[in-house]
């Protein structure tokens, strides 16, 4: 069920083409650069896994297949140092397999389906973790103007993503409600 919902959310982003670039000043925000050649303990690798997973999601939403492949390859190559429990290892292997599927995708449709599988592997793993907290917060205000509506829409999609990968019912539902209220009126954006 979560896989189908993620595919729906990803398709929504892809086809609405409303994704705004996140910037800090004039520089785009990108995942931290961690060498996959230098293994780190599992807990230390989670922020990099999260950042790479989000980068894959964002690339698919922008319909940037090459960036999705590149980020997925980096995610699949992240290594963990030291002994890893068998259960954790099988989850890491599932994540690497899902990321590799995206890295080798022939087209955006295949990458989108791979993203759904990747999100599921994250959510399945995190569901067994004791640290599943997510601060949902309040969505951006509603407006009749296009830019605030798109910011609210983006905020909703990001909460829905968290709802899948954390997993969190509250994040999913809050994001879905925000998106529902962010639906733009029919406007001419070309003129």
C-alpha atoms as a PDB file:
ATOM      1  CA  UNK A   1       0.000   0.000   0.000  1.00  0.00           C
ATOM      2  CA  UNK A   2       2.782   2.449   0.935  1.00  0.00           C
ATOM      3  CA  UNK A   3       4.557   1.658  -2.343  1.00  0.00           C
ATOM      4  CA  UNK A   4       1.466   2.597  -4.337  1.00  0.00           C
ATOM      5  CA  UNK A   5       1.006   5.779  -2.317  1.00  0.00           C
ATOM      6  CA  UNK A   6       4.627   6.809  -2.863  1.00  0.00           C
ATOM      7  CA  UNK A   7       4.305   6.196  -6.578  1.00  0.00           C
ATOM      8  CA  UNK A   8       1.221   8.417  -6.551  1.00  0.00           C
ATOM      9  CA  UNK A   9       3.065  11.158  -4.654  1.00  0.00           C
ATOM     10  CA  UNK A  10       6.087  10.891  -6.970  1.00  0.00           C
ATOM     11  CA  UNK A  11       3.868  11.013 -10.039  1.00  0.00           C
ATOM     12  CA  UNK A  12       2.119  14.051  -8.630  1.00  0.00           C
ATOM     13  CA  UNK A  13       5.436  15.855  -8.299  1.00  0.00           C
ATOM     14  CA  UNK A  14       6.660  14.727 -11.684  1.00  0.00           C
ATOM     15  CA  UNK A  15       3.665  15.756 -13.678  1.00  0.00           C
ATOM     16  CA  UNK A  16       2.746  18.931 -11.829  1.00  0.00           C
ATOM     17  CA  UNK A  17       6.231  20.332 -12.443  1.00  0.00           C
ATOM     18  CA  UNK A  18       5.790  22.619  -9.494  1.00  0.00           C
ATOM     19  CA  UNK A  19       8.911  21.691  -7.591  1.00  0.00           C
ATOM     20  CA  UNK A  20      10.749  24.790  -6.443  1.00  0.00           C
ATOM     21  CA  UNK A  21      14.498  24.711  -5.991  1.00  0.00           C
ATOM     22  CA  UNK A  22      15.638  24.995  -2.411  1.00  0.00           C
ATOM     23  CA  UNK A  23      18.408  27.503  -2.146  1.00  0.00           C
ATOM     24  CA  UNK A  24      20.574  29.042   0.479  1.00  0.00           C
ATOM     25  CA  UNK A  25      21.499  32.421  -0.866  1.00  0.00           C
ATOM     26  CA  UNK A  26      22.430  31.649  -4.441  1.00  0.00           C
ATOM     27  CA  UNK A  27      23.778  28.140  -3.883  1.00  0.00           C
ATOM     28  CA  UNK A  28      21.583  25.035  -4.203  1.00  0.00           C
ATOM     29  CA  UNK A  29      21.417  22.785  -1.156  1.00  0.00           C
ATOM     30  CA  UNK A  30      22.945  19.381  -1.830  1.00  0.00           C
ATOM     31  CA  UNK A  31      23.630  16.285   0.243  1.00  0.00           C
ATOM     32  CA  UNK A  32      26.808  16.173   2.283  1.00  0.00           C
ATOM     33  CA  UNK A  33      29.801  14.833   0.430  1.00  0.00           C
ATOM     34  CA  UNK A  34      30.898  11.698   2.178  1.00  0.00           C
ATOM     35  CA  UNK A  35      33.337   9.367   0.537  1.00  0.00           C
ATOM     36  CA  UNK A  36      31.779   5.960   0.021  1.00  0.00           C
ATOM     37  CA  UNK A  37      35.311   4.565   0.204  1.00  0.00           C
ATOM     38  CA  UNK A  38      35.577   5.474   3.903  1.00  0.00           C
ATOM     39  CA  UNK A  39      33.172   3.285   5.882  1.00  0.00           C
ATOM     40  CA  UNK A  40      31.506   4.716   8.978  1.00  0.00           C
ATOM     41  CA  UNK A  41      29.395   3.156  11.734  1.00  0.00           C
ATOM     42  CA  UNK A  42      25.741   2.581  10.890  1.00  0.00           C
ATOM     43  CA  UNK A  43      24.346   5.441  13.014  1.00  0.00           C
ATOM     44  CA  UNK A  44      26.889   7.851  11.518  1.00  0.00           C
ATOM     45  CA  UNK A  45      25.808   6.884   7.991  1.00  0.00           C
ATOM     46  CA  UNK A  46      22.076   7.522   8.498  1.00  0.00           C
ATOM     47  CA  UNK A  47      22.236  11.293   7.792  1.00  0.00           C
ATOM     48  CA  UNK A  48      24.036  10.530   4.517  1.00  0.00           C
ATOM     49  CA  UNK A  49      21.454   7.854   3.645  1.00  0.00           C
ATOM     50  CA  UNK A  50      18.678  10.354   4.343  1.00  0.00           C
ATOM     51  CA  UNK A  51      20.327  13.122   2.319  1.00  0.00           C
ATOM     52  CA  UNK A  52      21.005  10.823  -0.644  1.00  0.00           C
ATOM     53  CA  UNK A  53      17.483   9.394  -0.525  1.00  0.00           C
ATOM     54  CA  UNK A  54      16.041  12.915  -0.548  1.00  0.00           C
ATOM     55  CA  UNK A  55      18.354  13.862  -3.420  1.00  0.00           C
ATOM     56  CA  UNK A  56      17.107  10.862  -5.426  1.00  0.00           C
ATOM     57  CA  UNK A  57      13.492  11.829  -4.647  1.00  0.00           C
ATOM     58  CA  UNK A  58      14.110  15.433  -5.710  1.00  0.00           C
ATOM     59  CA  UNK A  59      15.862  14.400  -8.929  1.00  0.00           C
ATOM     60  CA  UNK A  60      12.945  12.130  -9.873  1.00  0.00           C
ATOM     61  CA  UNK A  61      10.508  14.963  -9.073  1.00  0.00           C
ATOM     62  CA  UNK A  62      12.482  17.271 -11.399  1.00  0.00           C
ATOM     63  CA  UNK A  63      12.494  14.544 -14.060  1.00  0.00           C
ATOM     64  CA  UNK A  64      16.320  14.577 -13.946  1.00  0.00           C
ATOM     65  CA  UNK A  65      17.145  10.949 -14.666  1.00  0.00           C
ATOM     66  CA  UNK A  66      20.924  11.450 -14.705  1.00  0.00           C
ATOM     67  CA  UNK A  67      20.922  13.117 -11.265  1.00  0.00           C
ATOM     68  CA  UNK A  68      18.623  10.385  -9.906  1.00  0.00           C
ATOM     69  CA  UNK A  69      21.003   7.718 -11.214  1.00  0.00           C
ATOM     70  CA  UNK A  70      24.065   9.520  -9.817  1.00  0.00           C
ATOM     71  CA  UNK A  71      22.547  10.022  -6.345  1.00  0.00           C
ATOM     72  CA  UNK A  72      21.191   6.471  -6.241  1.00  0.00           C
ATOM     73  CA  UNK A  73      24.613   5.095  -7.170  1.00  0.00           C
ATOM     74  CA  UNK A  74      26.190   7.119  -4.341  1.00  0.00           C
ATOM     75  CA  UNK A  75      23.528   5.810  -1.940  1.00  0.00           C
ATOM     76  CA  UNK A  76      24.100   2.206  -3.011  1.00  0.00           C
ATOM     77  CA  UNK A  77      27.845   2.612  -2.477  1.00  0.00           C
ATOM     78  CA  UNK A  78      27.688   4.029   1.073  1.00  0.00           C
ATOM     79  CA  UNK A  79      29.484   1.537   3.285  1.00  0.00           C
ATOM     80  CA  UNK A  80      29.195   0.797   6.984  1.00  0.00           C
ATOM     81  CA  UNK A  81      32.232   0.056   9.109  1.00  0.00           C
ATOM     82  CA  UNK A  82      32.395  -2.733  11.648  1.00  0.00           C
ATOM     83  CA  UNK A  83      30.131  -5.654  12.339  1.00  0.00           C
ATOM     84  CA  UNK A  84      26.475  -5.197  11.503  1.00  0.00           C
ATOM     85  CA  UNK A  85      23.696  -7.355  12.944  1.00  0.00           C
ATOM     86  CA  UNK A  86      22.254  -9.807  10.399  1.00  0.00           C
ATOM     87  CA  UNK A  87      18.813  -8.146  10.476  1.00  0.00           C
ATOM     88  CA  UNK A  88      20.350  -4.709   9.865  1.00  0.00           C
ATOM     89  CA  UNK A  89      22.543  -6.120   7.114  1.00  0.00           C
ATOM     90  CA  UNK A  90      19.545  -7.532   5.263  1.00  0.00           C
ATOM     91  CA  UNK A  91      17.848  -4.110   5.485  1.00  0.00           C
ATOM     92  CA  UNK A  92      20.981  -2.369   4.200  1.00  0.00           C
ATOM     93  CA  UNK A  93      21.191  -4.897   1.368  1.00  0.00           C
ATOM     94  CA  UNK A  94      17.544  -4.205   0.461  1.00  0.00           C
ATOM     95  CA  UNK A  95      18.262  -0.456   0.422  1.00  0.00           C
ATOM     96  CA  UNK A  96      21.352  -0.966  -1.756  1.00  0.00           C
ATOM     97  CA  UNK A  97      19.384  -3.174  -4.146  1.00  0.00           C
ATOM     98  CA  UNK A  98      16.628  -0.561  -4.433  1.00  0.00           C
ATOM     99  CA  UNK A  99      19.170   2.232  -4.961  1.00  0.00           C
ATOM    100  CA  UNK A 100      20.994   0.149  -7.590  1.00  0.00           C
ATOM    101  CA  UNK A 101      17.696  -0.358  -9.408  1.00  0.00           C
ATOM    102  CA  UNK A 102      17.369   3.429  -9.715  1.00  0.00           C
ATOM    103  CA  UNK A 103      21.042   3.850 -10.639  1.00  0.00           C
ATOM    104  CA  UNK A 104      20.498   1.451 -13.543  1.00  0.00           C
ATOM    105  CA  UNK A 105      17.066   2.741 -14.588  1.00  0.00           C
ATOM    106  CA  UNK A 106      16.592   3.045 -18.334  1.00  0.00           C
ATOM    107  CA  UNK A 107      13.960   5.770 -18.071  1.00  0.00           C
ATOM    108  CA  UNK A 108      12.170   8.014 -15.608  1.00  0.00           C
ATOM    109  CA  UNK A 109       9.259   5.623 -15.203  1.00  0.00           C
ATOM    110  CA  UNK A 110      11.604   2.858 -14.067  1.00  0.00           C
ATOM    111  CA  UNK A 111      13.415   5.279 -11.729  1.00  0.00           C
ATOM    112  CA  UNK A 112      10.059   6.344 -10.224  1.00  0.00           C
ATOM    113  CA  UNK A 113       9.097   2.740  -9.522  1.00  0.00           C
ATOM    114  CA  UNK A 114      12.541   2.193  -8.016  1.00  0.00           C
ATOM    115  CA  UNK A 115      12.047   5.259  -5.817  1.00  0.00           C
ATOM    116  CA  UNK A 116       8.843   3.731  -4.447  1.00  0.00           C
ATOM    117  CA  UNK A 117      10.751   0.557  -3.548  1.00  0.00           C
ATOM    118  CA  UNK A 118      13.562   2.617  -1.994  1.00  0.00           C
ATOM    119  CA  UNK A 119      11.101   4.547   0.181  1.00  0.00           C
ATOM    120  CA  UNK A 120       9.544   1.288   1.304  1.00  0.00           C
ATOM    121  CA  UNK A 121      12.916  -0.152   2.330  1.00  0.00           C
ATOM    122  CA  UNK A 122      13.590   3.002   4.363  1.00  0.00           C
ATOM    123  CA  UNK A 123      10.176   2.898   6.030  1.00  0.00           C
ATOM    124  CA  UNK A 124      10.403  -0.828   6.772  1.00  0.00           C
ATOM    125  CA  UNK A 125      13.783  -0.364   8.432  1.00  0.00           C
ATOM    126  CA  UNK A 126      12.802   2.760  10.360  1.00  0.00           C
ATOM    127  CA  UNK A 127       9.604   1.087  11.593  1.00  0.00           C
ATOM    128  CA  UNK A 128      11.812  -1.244  13.651  1.00  0.00           C
ATOM    129  CA  UNK A 129      13.885   1.612  15.058  1.00  0.00           C
ATOM    130  CA  UNK A 130      13.210   3.255  18.401  1.00  0.00           C
ATOM    131  CA  UNK A 131      13.927   6.717  16.964  1.00  0.00           C
ATOM    132  CA  UNK A 132      11.026   7.462  14.643  1.00  0.00           C
ATOM    133  CA  UNK A 133      10.215  10.999  15.703  1.00  0.00           C
ATOM    134  CA  UNK A 134       9.360  13.628  13.149  1.00  0.00           C
ATOM    135  CA  UNK A 135       8.411  17.215  13.895  1.00  0.00           C
ATOM    136  CA  UNK A 136       5.574  17.852  11.469  1.00  0.00           C
ATOM    137  CA  UNK A 137       5.066  21.550  12.172  1.00  0.00           C
ATOM    138  CA  UNK A 138       2.604  23.857  10.500  1.00  0.00           C
ATOM    139  CA  UNK A 139       2.214  24.156   6.736  1.00  0.00           C
ATOM    140  CA  UNK A 140       2.826  27.454   4.970  1.00  0.00           C
ATOM    141  CA  UNK A 141      -0.262  29.642   4.887  1.00  0.00           C
ATOM    142  CA  UNK A 142      -2.807  29.324   2.123  1.00  0.00           C
ATOM    143  CA  UNK A 143      -2.985  32.037  -0.493  1.00  0.00           C
ATOM    144  CA  UNK A 144      -4.594  32.882  -3.790  1.00  0.00           C
ATOM    145  CA  UNK A 145      -1.130  33.553  -5.253  1.00  0.00           C
ATOM    146  CA  UNK A 146       0.729  30.840  -7.141  1.00  0.00           C
ATOM    147  CA  UNK A 147       4.099  30.922  -5.342  1.00  0.00           C
ATOM    148  CA  UNK A 148       2.694  30.479  -1.797  1.00  0.00           C
ATOM    149  CA  UNK A 149       0.398  27.726  -3.078  1.00  0.00           C
ATOM    150  CA  UNK A 150       3.337  25.898  -4.622  1.00  0.00           C
ATOM    151  CA  UNK A 151       5.359  26.266  -1.398  1.00  0.00           C
ATOM    152  CA  UNK A 152       2.469  24.749   0.534  1.00  0.00           C
ATOM    153  CA  UNK A 153       2.171  21.983  -2.063  1.00  0.00           C
ATOM    154  CA  UNK A 154       5.910  21.253  -1.797  1.00  0.00           C
ATOM    155  CA  UNK A 155       5.716  21.276   2.013  1.00  0.00           C
ATOM    156  CA  UNK A 156       2.854  18.775   1.827  1.00  0.00           C
ATOM    157  CA  UNK A 157       4.759  16.461  -0.513  1.00  0.00           C
ATOM    158  CA  UNK A 158       7.792  16.543   1.789  1.00  0.00           C
ATOM    159  CA  UNK A 159       5.624  15.646   4.818  1.00  0.00           C
ATOM    160  CA  UNK A 160       4.071  12.793   2.820  1.00  0.00           C
ATOM    161  CA  UNK A 161       7.582  11.548   2.003  1.00  0.00           C
ATOM    162  CA  UNK A 162       8.455  11.644   5.710  1.00  0.00           C
ATOM    163  CA  UNK A 163       5.231   9.781   6.391  1.00  0.00           C
ATOM    164  CA  UNK A 164       6.495   6.994   4.157  1.00  0.00           C
ATOM    165  CA  UNK A 165      10.158   6.802   5.123  1.00  0.00           C
ATOM    166  CA  UNK A 166      10.008   7.550   8.868  1.00  0.00           C
ATOM    167  CA  UNK A 167       7.145   6.163   8.869  1.00  0.00           C
ATOM    168  CA  UNK A 168       4.644   8.565  10.427  1.00  0.00           C
ATOM    169  CA  UNK A 169       0.863   8.574  10.005  1.00  0.00           C
ATOM    170  CA  UNK A 170       0.772  12.128  11.360  1.00  0.00           C
ATOM    171  CA  UNK A 171       3.285  13.398   8.784  1.00  0.00           C
ATOM    172  CA  UNK A 172       1.477  11.604   5.940  1.00  0.00           C
ATOM    173  CA  UNK A 173      -1.973  12.902   6.882  1.00  0.00           C
ATOM    174  CA  UNK A 174      -0.787  16.454   7.570  1.00  0.00           C
ATOM    175  CA  UNK A 175       1.023  16.537   4.232  1.00  0.00           C
ATOM    176  CA  UNK A 176      -1.984  15.160   2.370  1.00  0.00           C
ATOM    177  CA  UNK A 177      -4.276  17.752   3.979  1.00  0.00           C
ATOM    178  CA  UNK A 178      -1.854  20.563   3.108  1.00  0.00           C
ATOM    179  CA  UNK A 179      -1.653  19.407  -0.514  1.00  0.00           C
ATOM    180  CA  UNK A 180      -5.427  19.156  -0.760  1.00  0.00           C
ATOM    181  CA  UNK A 181      -5.791  22.741   0.345  1.00  0.00           C
ATOM    182  CA  UNK A 182      -2.930  23.909  -1.871  1.00  0.00           C
ATOM    183  CA  UNK A 183      -4.529  22.941  -5.161  1.00  0.00           C
ATOM    184  CA  UNK A 184      -4.060  25.922  -7.453  1.00  0.00           C
ATOM    185  CA  UNK A 185      -6.959  27.573  -9.150  1.00  0.00           C
ATOM    186  CA  UNK A 186      -6.808  27.547 -12.911  1.00  0.00           C
ATOM    187  CA  UNK A 187      -4.222  30.197 -13.792  1.00  0.00           C
ATOM    188  CA  UNK A 188      -2.317  31.057 -16.914  1.00  0.00           C
ATOM    189  CA  UNK A 189       1.363  30.742 -16.001  1.00  0.00           C
ATOM    190  CA  UNK A 190       2.608  31.367 -19.533  1.00  0.00           C
ATOM    191  CA  UNK A 191       1.460  34.954 -20.045  1.00  0.00           C
END
